[in-house]
Amino acid sequence: HFSVFTVLFMYFTCVSTVQTTDCLHLREQCINAANGCESVWNVIEDACNISVLGNKCKAEDTVGCNRIIQVLADEYPEFKNCVCTTDNISSITTLLGKQCSINKDNVSMETKLQWGLSALSKQLYTTNRTCLDVNRECVEDEVCNKQLSLYLKVCSVNKKCNMEECRAAIRFFYQNMPFEVAQMMIFCDCIQHDESCHRAKELLHGKPCAVTAVPAPSCLNVIHMCEENELCRKKYTTFRSKCWRHVTKKCYDDEACLETLIKDDMPCSANADCKAAYINNWGTMLHMECTCQNLPPMEQPLCKLFHHMLHSKSCFS
């Protein structure tokens, strides 16, 4: 157990969440005020190419958009605190608040922007971090703790686990955070007998809810099920091409050819693209624990090859 000293290393790259809510309030006031603010607002909507649906709040003319946002801030100083003119996406999302969050992609975008305020997002990934330390740092960071809580609420061991919902929560958690933070969490580890570290690792890694089925499926089944699911198939294809190019180039999907490969034949690229593709597998069936026990001898070589590709630490250690 550790006591949490919630130290907020809030690096304000742009806006704080408190100020964001003020912005929404200011926007309402601006639109309803009869002092000319509304007309500046209308110009912003045009210049920043904002439509509630369709273009997901992306500004085409970012220079013009930022310029008019600056005008709004100059003429109506109350907007000063909630506008950031260095990053147009941030400005627009901040100013538009709820209007931007209709589309699911924009929920992701807002989450990514919140992560920009997290001290963790400034840290560079270093190897050999313990999962307990990583977990503690996340809990002590306001943004990380909020996202972790949302994910743990769905994947909680205390209630009956819904594997699909938990996987979706894992995908959202890991795919919207900065790459450095995701690496820190996914590649953390524990020494053998450190119980509290192993518990932290299980929490961060979606165990048991998203990864443990009883009985464990064979790795052949996992790959075959994945290939029948569009989302999973795309991720698997990317993962193979980024991490196991040698396999893809030599055999592609030909299982007879794959059976002829042995582990030593299979260098893993282990670069940043490969790590990103591996992280992208989390929250799909590729992330599940699988086994090659109880399979007939004929199927063992291919199964072991798939197990090596999906769960080998050689790629990342």
C-alpha atoms as a PDB file:
ATOM      1  CA  HIS A   1       0.000   0.000   0.000  1.00  0.00           C
ATOM      2  CA  PHE A   2       1.182   3.501  -0.644  1.00  0.00           C
ATOM      3  CA  SER A   3      -0.249   6.831   0.240  1.00  0.00           C
ATOM      4  CA  VAL A   4      -0.987   8.921  -2.789  1.00  0.00           C
ATOM      5  CA  PHE A   5       0.433  12.403  -2.683  1.00  0.00           C
ATOM      6  CA  THR A   6      -1.461  13.887  -5.542  1.00  0.00           C
ATOM      7  CA  VAL A   7       1.110  16.192  -6.949  1.00  0.00           C
ATOM      8  CA  LEU A   8      -0.231  17.881  -9.989  1.00  0.00           C
ATOM      9  CA  PHE A   9       2.628  18.403 -12.365  1.00  0.00           C
ATOM     10  CA  MET A  10       0.255  20.137 -14.703  1.00  0.00           C
ATOM     11  CA  TYR A  11       2.178  21.459 -17.670  1.00  0.00           C
ATOM     12  CA  PHE A  12      -0.235  23.839 -19.280  1.00  0.00           C
ATOM     13  CA  THR A  13       0.605  23.369 -22.919  1.00  0.00           C
ATOM     14  CA  CYS A  14      -2.597  25.112 -23.719  1.00  0.00           C
ATOM     15  CA  VAL A  15      -5.599  25.193 -21.457  1.00  0.00           C
ATOM     16  CA  SER A  16      -6.648  23.679 -18.194  1.00  0.00           C
ATOM     17  CA  THR A  17      -9.800  21.631 -17.911  1.00  0.00           C
ATOM     18  CA  VAL A  18     -11.252  24.224 -15.543  1.00  0.00           C
ATOM     19  CA  GLN A  19     -10.736  26.951 -18.092  1.00  0.00           C
ATOM     20  CA  THR A  20     -12.247  24.795 -20.814  1.00  0.00           C
ATOM     21  CA  THR A  21     -15.564  24.751 -18.964  1.00  0.00           C
ATOM     22  CA  ASP A  22     -15.335  28.534 -18.611  1.00  0.00           C
ATOM     23  CA  CYS A  23     -14.908  28.703 -22.363  1.00  0.00           C
ATOM     24  CA  LEU A  24     -18.175  26.908 -22.986  1.00  0.00           C
ATOM     25  CA  HIS A  25     -19.903  29.332 -20.639  1.00  0.00           C
ATOM     26  CA  LEU A  26     -18.253  32.299 -22.368  1.00  0.00           C
ATOM     27  CA  ARG A  27     -19.306  31.007 -25.734  1.00  0.00           C
ATOM     28  CA  GLU A  28     -22.947  30.915 -24.628  1.00  0.00           C
ATOM     29  CA  GLN A  29     -22.638  34.471 -23.276  1.00  0.00           C
ATOM     30  CA  CYS A  30     -20.942  35.631 -26.465  1.00  0.00           C
ATOM     31  CA  ILE A  31     -23.685  34.224 -28.691  1.00  0.00           C
ATOM     32  CA  ASN A  32     -26.432  35.757 -26.544  1.00  0.00           C
ATOM     33  CA  ALA A  33     -24.781  39.130 -25.915  1.00  0.00           C
ATOM     34  CA  ALA A  34     -25.839  41.994 -28.133  1.00  0.00           C
ATOM     35  CA  ASN A  35     -22.376  43.599 -28.182  1.00  0.00           C
ATOM     36  CA  GLY A  36     -20.866  42.414 -31.453  1.00  0.00           C
ATOM     37  CA  CYS A  37     -19.302  39.308 -29.949  1.00  0.00           C
ATOM     38  CA  GLU A  38     -21.807  37.135 -31.794  1.00  0.00           C
ATOM     39  CA  SER A  39     -20.690  38.420 -35.204  1.00  0.00           C
ATOM     40  CA  VAL A  40     -17.035  37.612 -34.389  1.00  0.00           C
ATOM     41  CA  TRP A  41     -18.223  34.192 -33.333  1.00  0.00           C
ATOM     42  CA  ASN A  42     -20.024  33.711 -36.656  1.00  0.00           C
ATOM     43  CA  VAL A  43     -16.831  34.607 -38.516  1.00  0.00           C
ATOM     44  CA  ILE A  44     -14.973  32.025 -36.416  1.00  0.00           C
ATOM     45  CA  GLU A  45     -17.488  29.363 -37.397  1.00  0.00           C
ATOM     46  CA  ASP A  46     -16.933  30.225 -41.058  1.00  0.00           C
ATOM     47  CA  ALA A  47     -13.147  30.658 -40.934  1.00  0.00           C
ATOM     48  CA  CYS A  48     -12.596  27.514 -38.910  1.00  0.00           C
ATOM     49  CA  ASN A  49     -14.967  25.564 -41.132  1.00  0.00           C
ATOM     50  CA  ILE A  50     -17.000  24.256 -38.255  1.00  0.00           C
ATOM     51  CA  SER A  51     -19.998  22.135 -38.903  1.00  0.00           C
ATOM     52  CA  VAL A  52     -21.557  20.114 -36.152  1.00  0.00           C
ATOM     53  CA  LEU A  53     -21.383  16.962 -38.240  1.00  0.00           C
ATOM     54  CA  GLY A  54     -19.264  16.066 -41.200  1.00  0.00           C
ATOM     55  CA  ASN A  55     -15.821  17.553 -40.888  1.00  0.00           C
ATOM     56  CA  LYS A  56     -15.216  16.768 -37.226  1.00  0.00           C
ATOM     57  CA  CYS A  57     -14.152  20.294 -36.305  1.00  0.00           C
ATOM     58  CA  LYS A  58     -11.091  20.360 -38.535  1.00  0.00           C
ATOM     59  CA  ALA A  59     -10.077  23.760 -39.791  1.00  0.00           C
ATOM     60  CA  GLU A  60      -8.914  23.863 -43.407  1.00  0.00           C
ATOM     61  CA  ASP A  61      -7.532  27.384 -43.241  1.00  0.00           C
ATOM     62  CA  THR A  62      -5.639  27.078 -39.959  1.00  0.00           C
ATOM     63  CA  VAL A  63      -3.870  30.429 -40.322  1.00  0.00           C
ATOM     64  CA  GLY A  64      -7.114  32.316 -40.932  1.00  0.00           C
ATOM     65  CA  CYS A  65      -8.835  30.369 -38.203  1.00  0.00           C
ATOM     66  CA  ASN A  66      -6.152  31.156 -35.637  1.00  0.00           C
ATOM     67  CA  ARG A  67      -6.104  34.796 -36.678  1.00  0.00           C
ATOM     68  CA  ILE A  68      -9.833  35.236 -36.077  1.00  0.00           C
ATOM     69  CA  ILE A  69      -9.589  33.382 -32.759  1.00  0.00           C
ATOM     70  CA  GLN A  70      -6.853  35.874 -31.818  1.00  0.00           C
ATOM     71  CA  VAL A  71      -9.192  38.755 -32.789  1.00  0.00           C
ATOM     72  CA  LEU A  72     -11.846  37.319 -30.491  1.00  0.00           C
ATOM     73  CA  ALA A  73      -9.293  37.114 -27.672  1.00  0.00           C
ATOM     74  CA  ASP A  74      -8.094  40.696 -28.293  1.00  0.00           C
ATOM     75  CA  GLU A  75     -11.545  42.249 -28.491  1.00  0.00           C
ATOM     76  CA  TYR A  76     -13.099  40.193 -25.717  1.00  0.00           C
ATOM     77  CA  PRO A  77     -10.297  39.646 -23.167  1.00  0.00           C
ATOM     78  CA  GLU A  78     -12.368  37.198 -21.123  1.00  0.00           C
ATOM     79  CA  PHE A  79     -11.561  34.662 -23.843  1.00  0.00           C
ATOM     80  CA  LYS A  80      -7.806  35.162 -23.360  1.00  0.00           C
ATOM     81  CA  ASN A  81      -7.433  32.380 -20.815  1.00  0.00           C
ATOM     82  CA  CYS A  82      -9.236  29.778 -22.799  1.00  0.00           C
ATOM     83  CA  VAL A  83      -7.700  30.313 -26.217  1.00  0.00           C
ATOM     84  CA  CYS A  84      -4.430  28.890 -27.373  1.00  0.00           C
ATOM     85  CA  THR A  85      -3.364  30.129 -30.765  1.00  0.00           C
ATOM     86  CA  THR A  86      -0.366  27.872 -31.269  1.00  0.00           C
ATOM     87  CA  ASP A  87      -2.417  24.758 -31.844  1.00  0.00           C
ATOM     88  CA  ASN A  88      -5.516  25.259 -33.934  1.00  0.00           C
ATOM     89  CA  ILE A  89      -7.109  21.940 -33.052  1.00  0.00           C
ATOM     90  CA  SER A  90      -6.788  22.713 -29.391  1.00  0.00           C
ATOM     91  CA  SER A  91      -8.233  26.191 -29.858  1.00  0.00           C
ATOM     92  CA  ILE A  92     -11.201  25.021 -31.819  1.00  0.00           C
ATOM     93  CA  THR A  93     -12.027  22.119 -29.557  1.00  0.00           C
ATOM     94  CA  THR A  94     -11.678  24.317 -26.510  1.00  0.00           C
ATOM     95  CA  LEU A  95     -13.903  26.995 -27.950  1.00  0.00           C
ATOM     96  CA  LEU A  96     -16.475  24.604 -29.290  1.00  0.00           C
ATOM     97  CA  GLY A  97     -16.577  22.189 -26.433  1.00  0.00           C
ATOM     98  CA  LYS A  98     -19.635  20.018 -26.697  1.00  0.00           C
ATOM     99  CA  GLN A  99     -20.298  20.819 -30.319  1.00  0.00           C
ATOM    100  CA  CYS A 100     -17.169  18.865 -31.184  1.00  0.00           C
ATOM    101  CA  SER A 101     -17.891  15.798 -29.145  1.00  0.00           C
ATOM    102  CA  ILE A 102     -20.869  14.504 -31.102  1.00  0.00           C
ATOM    103  CA  ASN A 103     -18.675  12.283 -33.232  1.00  0.00           C
ATOM    104  CA  LYS A 104     -17.002   9.339 -31.515  1.00  0.00           C
ATOM    105  CA  ASP A 105     -13.667  10.272 -33.124  1.00  0.00           C
ATOM    106  CA  ASN A 106     -13.879  13.590 -31.370  1.00  0.00           C
ATOM    107  CA  VAL A 107     -14.282  11.962 -27.985  1.00  0.00           C
ATOM    108  CA  SER A 108     -10.917  10.412 -28.795  1.00  0.00           C
ATOM    109  CA  MET A 109      -9.589  13.777 -29.899  1.00  0.00           C
ATOM    110  CA  GLU A 110     -10.700  15.442 -26.676  1.00  0.00           C
ATOM    111  CA  THR A 111      -9.089  12.648 -24.688  1.00  0.00           C
ATOM    112  CA  LYS A 112      -5.848  13.129 -26.630  1.00  0.00           C
ATOM    113  CA  LEU A 113      -5.959  16.853 -25.897  1.00  0.00           C
ATOM    114  CA  GLN A 114      -6.476  16.153 -22.189  1.00  0.00           C
ATOM    115  CA  TRP A 115      -3.446  13.877 -22.273  1.00  0.00           C
ATOM    116  CA  GLY A 116      -1.491  16.882 -23.539  1.00  0.00           C
ATOM    117  CA  LEU A 117      -2.025  18.426 -20.091  1.00  0.00           C
ATOM    118  CA  SER A 118      -0.592  15.416 -18.295  1.00  0.00           C
ATOM    119  CA  ALA A 119       2.911  15.539 -16.839  1.00  0.00           C
ATOM    120  CA  LEU A 120       3.316  11.903 -17.888  1.00  0.00           C
ATOM    121  CA  SER A 121       3.049  12.848 -21.540  1.00  0.00           C
ATOM    122  CA  LYS A 122       6.324  14.793 -21.194  1.00  0.00           C
ATOM    123  CA  GLN A 123       8.225  11.763 -19.932  1.00  0.00           C
ATOM    124  CA  LEU A 124      10.385   9.749 -22.270  1.00  0.00           C
ATOM    125  CA  TYR A 125       9.947   5.991 -22.151  1.00  0.00           C
ATOM    126  CA  THR A 126      12.700   4.161 -20.319  1.00  0.00           C
ATOM    127  CA  THR A 127      12.963   0.383 -20.070  1.00  0.00           C
ATOM    128  CA  ASN A 128      12.855  -1.743 -16.908  1.00  0.00           C
ATOM    129  CA  ARG A 129      10.145   0.229 -15.111  1.00  0.00           C
ATOM    130  CA  THR A 130       8.215  -1.721 -12.486  1.00  0.00           C
ATOM    131  CA  CYS A 131       4.458  -1.915 -12.979  1.00  0.00           C
ATOM    132  CA  LEU A 132       3.917  -0.720  -9.413  1.00  0.00           C
ATOM    133  CA  ASP A 133       5.853   2.505 -10.080  1.00  0.00           C
ATOM    134  CA  VAL A 134       4.051   3.063 -13.367  1.00  0.00           C
ATOM    135  CA  ASN A 135       0.679   2.446 -11.730  1.00  0.00           C
ATOM    136  CA  ARG A 136       1.524   4.848  -8.894  1.00  0.00           C
ATOM    137  CA  GLU A 137       2.596   7.573 -11.328  1.00  0.00           C
ATOM    138  CA  CYS A 138      -0.625   7.154 -13.257  1.00  0.00           C
ATOM    139  CA  VAL A 139      -2.781   7.376 -10.126  1.00  0.00           C
ATOM    140  CA  GLU A 140      -0.930  10.530  -9.033  1.00  0.00           C
ATOM    141  CA  ASP A 141      -1.493  12.179 -12.420  1.00  0.00           C
ATOM    142  CA  GLU A 142      -4.952  13.732 -12.762  1.00  0.00           C
ATOM    143  CA  VAL A 143      -5.463  12.940 -16.461  1.00  0.00           C
ATOM    144  CA  CYS A 144      -4.040   9.414 -16.304  1.00  0.00           C
ATOM    145  CA  ASN A 145      -5.977   8.571 -13.155  1.00  0.00           C
ATOM    146  CA  LYS A 146      -9.244   9.678 -14.737  1.00  0.00           C
ATOM    147  CA  GLN A 147      -8.661   7.542 -17.853  1.00  0.00           C
ATOM    148  CA  LEU A 148      -7.465   4.582 -15.786  1.00  0.00           C
ATOM    149  CA  SER A 149     -10.588   4.783 -13.587  1.00  0.00           C
ATOM    150  CA  LEU A 150     -12.876   4.740 -16.640  1.00  0.00           C
ATOM    151  CA  TYR A 151     -11.118   1.659 -17.952  1.00  0.00           C
ATOM    152  CA  LEU A 152     -10.986  -0.181 -14.612  1.00  0.00           C
ATOM    153  CA  LYS A 153     -14.678   0.497 -14.026  1.00  0.00           C
ATOM    154  CA  VAL A 154     -15.464  -1.598 -17.105  1.00  0.00           C
ATOM    155  CA  CYS A 155     -12.810  -4.272 -16.536  1.00  0.00           C
ATOM    156  CA  SER A 156     -13.249  -4.593 -12.779  1.00  0.00           C
ATOM    157  CA  VAL A 157     -12.652  -8.045 -11.319  1.00  0.00           C
ATOM    158  CA  ASN A 158     -15.321  -7.425  -8.667  1.00  0.00           C
ATOM    159  CA  LYS A 159     -18.246  -7.582 -11.049  1.00  0.00           C
ATOM    160  CA  LYS A 160     -18.988 -10.151 -13.705  1.00  0.00           C
ATOM    161  CA  CYS A 161     -16.646  -9.326 -16.525  1.00  0.00           C
ATOM    162  CA  ASN A 162     -17.944  -8.555 -19.988  1.00  0.00           C
ATOM    163  CA  MET A 163     -14.968  -9.401 -22.178  1.00  0.00           C
ATOM    164  CA  GLU A 164     -16.095  -7.390 -25.217  1.00  0.00           C
ATOM    165  CA  GLU A 165     -16.783  -4.233 -23.201  1.00  0.00           C
ATOM    166  CA  CYS A 166     -13.499  -4.597 -21.363  1.00  0.00           C
ATOM    167  CA  ARG A 167     -11.595  -4.984 -24.641  1.00  0.00           C
ATOM    168  CA  ALA A 168     -13.234  -1.855 -26.018  1.00  0.00           C
ATOM    169  CA  ALA A 169     -12.211   0.024 -22.857  1.00  0.00           C
ATOM    170  CA  ILE A 170      -8.614  -1.202 -23.219  1.00  0.00           C
ATOM    171  CA  ARG A 171      -8.517  -0.080 -26.863  1.00  0.00           C
ATOM    172  CA  PHE A 172      -9.789   3.370 -25.888  1.00  0.00           C
ATOM    173  CA  PHE A 173      -7.377   3.642 -22.950  1.00  0.00           C
ATOM    174  CA  TYR A 174      -4.207   2.671 -24.790  1.00  0.00           C
ATOM    175  CA  GLN A 175      -4.906   4.106 -28.224  1.00  0.00           C
ATOM    176  CA  ASN A 176      -5.677   7.635 -27.070  1.00  0.00           C
ATOM    177  CA  MET A 177      -2.726   8.082 -24.730  1.00  0.00           C
ATOM    178  CA  PRO A 178       0.709   9.297 -25.892  1.00  0.00           C
ATOM    179  CA  PHE A 179       2.901   6.518 -27.329  1.00  0.00           C
ATOM    180  CA  GLU A 180       5.554   7.033 -24.621  1.00  0.00           C
ATOM    181  CA  VAL A 181       2.992   6.507 -21.836  1.00  0.00           C
ATOM    182  CA  ALA A 182       1.532   3.424 -23.541  1.00  0.00           C
ATOM    183  CA  GLN A 183       5.010   1.871 -23.785  1.00  0.00           C
ATOM    184  CA  MET A 184       5.661   2.665 -20.139  1.00  0.00           C
ATOM    185  CA  MET A 185       2.501   0.796 -19.098  1.00  0.00           C
ATOM    186  CA  ILE A 186       2.579  -2.093 -21.540  1.00  0.00           C
ATOM    187  CA  PHE A 187       6.263  -2.948 -21.193  1.00  0.00           C
ATOM    188  CA  CYS A 188       6.471  -2.577 -17.410  1.00  0.00           C
ATOM    189  CA  ASP A 189       7.425  -5.687 -15.468  1.00  0.00           C
ATOM    190  CA  CYS A 190       7.837  -7.133 -11.963  1.00  0.00           C
ATOM    191  CA  ILE A 191      10.352  -9.245 -10.128  1.00  0.00           C
ATOM    192  CA  GLN A 192       9.064 -12.705  -9.360  1.00  0.00           C
ATOM    193  CA  HIS A 193       7.742 -12.476  -5.798  1.00  0.00           C
ATOM    194  CA  ASP A 194       6.553  -8.881  -5.689  1.00  0.00           C
ATOM    195  CA  GLU A 195       2.833  -9.455  -5.106  1.00  0.00           C
ATOM    196  CA  SER A 196       1.678  -5.839  -5.188  1.00  0.00           C
ATOM    197  CA  CYS A 197       3.620  -5.239  -8.406  1.00  0.00           C
ATOM    198  CA  HIS A 198       2.005  -8.278 -10.042  1.00  0.00           C
ATOM    199  CA  ARG A 199      -1.426  -7.002  -9.000  1.00  0.00           C
ATOM    200  CA  ALA A 200      -0.654  -3.604 -10.555  1.00  0.00           C
ATOM    201  CA  LYS A 201       0.534  -5.355 -13.711  1.00  0.00           C
ATOM    202  CA  GLU A 202      -2.691  -7.343 -13.987  1.00  0.00           C
ATOM    203  CA  LEU A 203      -4.759  -4.181 -13.613  1.00  0.00           C
ATOM    204  CA  LEU A 204      -2.799  -2.305 -16.269  1.00  0.00           C
ATOM    205  CA  HIS A 205      -2.768  -5.273 -18.636  1.00  0.00           C
ATOM    206  CA  GLY A 206      -6.474  -6.119 -18.566  1.00  0.00           C
ATOM    207  CA  LYS A 207      -6.136  -9.394 -16.657  1.00  0.00           C
ATOM    208  CA  PRO A 208      -8.062 -11.495 -16.223  1.00  0.00           C
ATOM    209  CA  CYS A 209     -11.130  -9.936 -17.868  1.00  0.00           C
ATOM    210  CA  ALA A 210      -9.837  -9.158 -21.366  1.00  0.00           C
ATOM    211  CA  VAL A 211      -7.169 -11.792 -21.786  1.00  0.00           C
ATOM    212  CA  THR A 212      -7.972 -14.954 -19.835  1.00  0.00           C
ATOM    213  CA  ALA A 213     -10.539 -17.436 -21.089  1.00  0.00           C
ATOM    214  CA  VAL A 214     -11.125 -20.819 -19.464  1.00  0.00           C
ATOM    215  CA  PRO A 215     -10.147 -23.084 -21.073  1.00  0.00           C
ATOM    216  CA  ALA A 216      -7.460 -21.097 -22.909  1.00  0.00           C
ATOM    217  CA  PRO A 217      -7.977 -21.191 -26.689  1.00  0.00           C
ATOM    218  CA  SER A 218      -5.280 -22.581 -28.950  1.00  0.00           C
ATOM    219  CA  CYS A 219      -3.131 -19.941 -30.658  1.00  0.00           C
ATOM    220  CA  LEU A 220      -4.280 -21.371 -34.021  1.00  0.00           C
ATOM    221  CA  ASN A 221      -7.896 -20.663 -33.067  1.00  0.00           C
ATOM    222  CA  VAL A 222      -7.033 -17.142 -31.963  1.00  0.00           C
ATOM    223  CA  ILE A 223      -5.434 -16.336 -35.328  1.00  0.00           C
ATOM    224  CA  HIS A 224      -8.288 -17.934 -37.283  1.00  0.00           C
ATOM    225  CA  MET A 225     -10.945 -16.086 -35.253  1.00  0.00           C
ATOM    226  CA  CYS A 226      -9.020 -12.862 -35.708  1.00  0.00           C
ATOM    227  CA  GLU A 227      -8.894 -13.299 -39.469  1.00  0.00           C
ATOM    228  CA  GLU A 228     -12.690 -13.538 -39.542  1.00  0.00           C
ATOM    229  CA  ASN A 229     -13.103 -10.218 -37.717  1.00  0.00           C
ATOM    230  CA  GLU A 230     -12.498  -7.090 -39.774  1.00  0.00           C
ATOM    231  CA  LEU A 231     -11.092  -4.885 -36.982  1.00  0.00           C
ATOM    232  CA  CYS A 232      -8.801  -7.656 -35.738  1.00  0.00           C
ATOM    233  CA  ARG A 233      -7.684  -8.713 -39.227  1.00  0.00           C
ATOM    234  CA  LYS A 234      -6.528  -5.183 -40.072  1.00  0.00           C
ATOM    235  CA  LYS A 235      -4.549  -4.946 -36.838  1.00  0.00           C
ATOM    236  CA  TYR A 236      -2.999  -8.378 -37.369  1.00  0.00           C
ATOM    237  CA  THR A 237      -1.954  -7.523 -40.927  1.00  0.00           C
ATOM    238  CA  THR A 238      -0.298  -4.306 -39.721  1.00  0.00           C
ATOM    239  CA  PHE A 239       1.355  -6.104 -36.812  1.00  0.00           C
ATOM    240  CA  ARG A 240       2.816  -8.764 -39.091  1.00  0.00           C
ATOM    241  CA  SER A 241       4.096  -6.280 -41.632  1.00  0.00           C
ATOM    242  CA  LYS A 242       5.660  -4.012 -38.966  1.00  0.00           C
ATOM    243  CA  CYS A 243       7.118  -6.677 -36.635  1.00  0.00           C
ATOM    244  CA  TRP A 244       7.524  -9.830 -38.702  1.00  0.00           C
ATOM    245  CA  ARG A 245       8.300  -8.664 -42.202  1.00  0.00           C
ATOM    246  CA  HIS A 246      10.432 -11.704 -42.896  1.00  0.00           C
ATOM    247  CA  VAL A 247       7.437 -13.978 -42.252  1.00  0.00           C
ATOM    248  CA  THR A 248       5.080 -11.875 -44.334  1.00  0.00           C
ATOM    249  CA  LYS A 249       7.505 -11.620 -47.240  1.00  0.00           C
ATOM    250  CA  LYS A 250       8.301 -15.320 -47.284  1.00  0.00           C
ATOM    251  CA  CYS A 251       4.934 -16.937 -46.575  1.00  0.00           C
ATOM    252  CA  TYR A 252       2.186 -14.351 -46.310  1.00  0.00           C
ATOM    253  CA  ASP A 253      -0.921 -16.408 -45.304  1.00  0.00           C
ATOM    254  CA  ASP A 254       0.309 -19.779 -46.517  1.00  0.00           C
ATOM    255  CA  GLU A 255       0.172 -21.997 -43.432  1.00  0.00           C
ATOM    256  CA  ALA A 256       2.103 -24.832 -45.109  1.00  0.00           C
ATOM    257  CA  CYS A 257       4.932 -22.371 -45.704  1.00  0.00           C
ATOM    258  CA  LEU A 258       4.684 -20.948 -42.170  1.00  0.00           C
ATOM    259  CA  GLU A 259       5.087 -24.445 -40.724  1.00  0.00           C
ATOM    260  CA  THR A 260       8.541 -24.668 -42.288  1.00  0.00           C
ATOM    261  CA  LEU A 261       9.793 -21.631 -40.342  1.00  0.00           C
ATOM    262  CA  ILE A 262      11.529 -22.039 -37.037  1.00  0.00           C
ATOM    263  CA  LYS A 263      11.837 -19.344 -34.384  1.00  0.00           C
ATOM    264  CA  ASP A 264      15.483 -18.688 -35.208  1.00  0.00           C
ATOM    265  CA  ASP A 265      14.434 -17.881 -38.785  1.00  0.00           C
ATOM    266  CA  MET A 266      12.278 -15.087 -37.505  1.00  0.00           C
ATOM    267  CA  PRO A 267      13.957 -11.834 -36.662  1.00  0.00           C
ATOM    268  CA  CYS A 268      11.562  -9.294 -35.201  1.00  0.00           C
ATOM    269  CA  SER A 269      12.027  -5.716 -36.336  1.00  0.00           C
ATOM    270  CA  ALA A 270      11.550  -4.413 -32.735  1.00  0.00           C
ATOM    271  CA  ASN A 271      11.424  -0.771 -33.861  1.00  0.00           C
ATOM    272  CA  ALA A 272       8.966   1.965 -32.845  1.00  0.00           C
ATOM    273  CA  ASP A 273       6.502   1.047 -35.627  1.00  0.00           C
ATOM    274  CA  CYS A 274       6.500  -2.542 -34.415  1.00  0.00           C
ATOM    275  CA  LYS A 275       5.878  -1.462 -30.815  1.00  0.00           C
ATOM    276  CA  ALA A 276       2.995   0.751 -31.938  1.00  0.00           C
ATOM    277  CA  ALA A 277       1.474  -2.134 -33.921  1.00  0.00           C
ATOM    278  CA  TYR A 278       1.840  -4.450 -30.918  1.00  0.00           C
ATOM    279  CA  ILE A 279       0.154  -1.904 -28.616  1.00  0.00           C
ATOM    280  CA  ASN A 280      -2.594  -1.643 -31.226  1.00  0.00           C
ATOM    281  CA  ASN A 281      -3.330  -5.369 -30.788  1.00  0.00           C
ATOM    282  CA  TRP A 282      -4.325  -4.786 -27.176  1.00  0.00           C
ATOM    283  CA  GLY A 283      -8.059  -4.973 -26.702  1.00  0.00           C
ATOM    284  CA  THR A 284      -8.462  -7.540 -29.502  1.00  0.00           C
ATOM    285  CA  MET A 285      -8.401 -11.339 -29.387  1.00  0.00           C
ATOM    286  CA  LEU A 286      -4.704 -11.183 -30.385  1.00  0.00           C
ATOM    287  CA  HIS A 287      -4.028  -9.996 -26.847  1.00  0.00           C
ATOM    288  CA  MET A 288      -5.568 -13.166 -25.342  1.00  0.00           C
ATOM    289  CA  GLU A 289      -3.523 -15.785 -23.562  1.00  0.00           C
ATOM    290  CA  CYS A 290      -3.411 -18.798 -25.849  1.00  0.00           C
ATOM    291  CA  THR A 291      -1.882 -22.258 -25.623  1.00  0.00           C
ATOM    292  CA  CYS A 292      -0.510 -25.047 -27.807  1.00  0.00           C
ATOM    293  CA  GLN A 293      -1.211 -27.812 -25.286  1.00  0.00           C
ATOM    294  CA  ASN A 294      -3.657 -30.559 -26.240  1.00  0.00           C
ATOM    295  CA  LEU A 295      -3.147 -30.025 -29.964  1.00  0.00           C
ATOM    296  CA  PRO A 296      -2.191 -32.944 -32.224  1.00  0.00           C
ATOM    297  CA  PRO A 297       1.566 -33.095 -33.041  1.00  0.00           C
ATOM    298  CA  MET A 298       0.859 -32.068 -36.653  1.00  0.00           C
ATOM    299  CA  GLU A 299      -0.494 -28.683 -35.537  1.00  0.00           C
ATOM    300  CA  GLN A 300       2.149 -27.955 -32.911  1.00  0.00           C
ATOM    301  CA  PRO A 301       4.800 -26.229 -35.117  1.00  0.00           C
ATOM    302  CA  LEU A 302       2.357 -23.684 -36.549  1.00  0.00           C
ATOM    303  CA  CYS A 303       0.735 -23.089 -33.175  1.00  0.00           C
ATOM    304  CA  LYS A 304       4.114 -22.460 -31.536  1.00  0.00           C
ATOM    305  CA  LEU A 305       5.041 -20.088 -34.315  1.00  0.00           C
ATOM    306  CA  PHE A 306       1.850 -18.066 -33.748  1.00  0.00           C
ATOM    307  CA  HIS A 307       2.448 -18.097 -29.978  1.00  0.00           C
ATOM    308  CA  HIS A 308       5.967 -16.793 -30.567  1.00  0.00           C
ATOM    309  CA  MET A 309       4.696 -14.021 -32.851  1.00  0.00           C
ATOM    310  CA  LEU A 310       1.928 -12.873 -30.497  1.00  0.00           C
ATOM    311  CA  HIS A 311       3.583 -13.238 -27.110  1.00  0.00           C
ATOM    312  CA  SER A 312       7.326 -13.325 -27.626  1.00  0.00           C
ATOM    313  CA  LYS A 313       9.210 -10.878 -25.428  1.00  0.00           C
ATOM    314  CA  SER A 314      12.203 -11.059 -27.801  1.00  0.00           C
ATOM    315  CA  CYS A 315      10.629  -8.257 -29.766  1.00  0.00           C
ATOM    316  CA  PHE A 316      10.612  -5.757 -26.935  1.00  0.00           C
ATOM    317  CA  SER A 317      13.187  -6.696 -24.342  1.00  0.00           C
END
